[in-house]
Amino acid sequence: MRRILLVCNLLIGVFFVTAATAQISKAEKKALVDLYSSTSGDSWKHSWDLQSSPNSWYGVTIKEDQVVSLNLHHNNLEGTIPESIKNLKHLKKLNLAFNKITGEIPYQLVELTKLRVLNLEMNRLKGIIPINIGQLIELKELTLFNNMLEGNIPESLGNARKIKTLNLSSNFLSGDLPKSLENLVNLESLELFGNKFSGEIEVDLGKLKKLTQLVLAYNEFKGAVPINLQNLRSLEFLQLQGNQFDSFVGLQNIKSLGLATFDSDNTVLNKKYNTPNWKVDDSRMADTKFEDDNDN
């Protein structure tokens, strides 16, 4: 009986040791090592011991022998994102924000079709947003603000219909807003502050009924402010100033009762929607600051 118990204990021990030392695929490990090498891993705030198991590497979350999350926020990454990032095919979250990453967003990134969160803000990325970004159909959050990105918003982005947060502020993006943005019916926050978008807004923003934050300030939009904006009943935060709008008729009767912040180049409307008599729910005040929250 004792011998049987001993064997059972040994088998249980082997099982747990095996589980604890289970390895990710060679392709996934190489992708992580490539990222380490191409972004000066030895100089990271929280570096990796490449001789140890990836299970112990800072910011790496592994489930069922698959890398599902990579969070290296504010970790002093300096360099470029390698093309082999595409081999982290089980990733649901990729957060490389608040670093010193340069170069372009590799187009191979769109092969990470399980991504739900993509945070690349506060880096030094240049070039265009990958034209097939809409392949990321599970994406719920895309933040690329404070980089040096150029070109248009890809039309394909409208295929990522689960997106709730889209922040492309403070880049050099230009052109018209793609009509496909109307498809993002789950969008709650759309922030395009400080780019070079131009022309009249032909997108029916009124279809984005879940919007609570809309920031179009400091671009080169012209013509009339879209009349359908006033029907967005969930709006809490609206910034339109710093453009070339010549008509604000569409904002005379905003339906939202939770509007906390309103900014435009029309002083009459600013006064109307920012008076003490305007109903404001303090618990829903929008935070407009892009701060480093040291979220690891």
Foldseek 3Di string as FASTA:
>chain_A
DVVVVVVVVVVVVVVVVCVVQPAADPLVLVLVVVQCVQFVQVPWQQHDDNVDGPVPGPQFDDDPNATATRACAQTAGAGERDLSPLSSQNYQYYAPEQYAYEEADDLSVLSNQNHAYYHHANYAYEEEDNLQNLSNQNHAEDAHEDYAYEEEDHLSVLNNQNHAYDAHAHYAYEEAHHLSVLSNLNHAEDAHHHYAYEEEHPHQCLSNLNHQYDHPAQYAYEEADDLSQLVNQNHAYYEHANYHYPYDVSNPHRNHLAHNYYYYPDVVVNCVCHDPVRHHDVVPHDDPDPDDPVDD
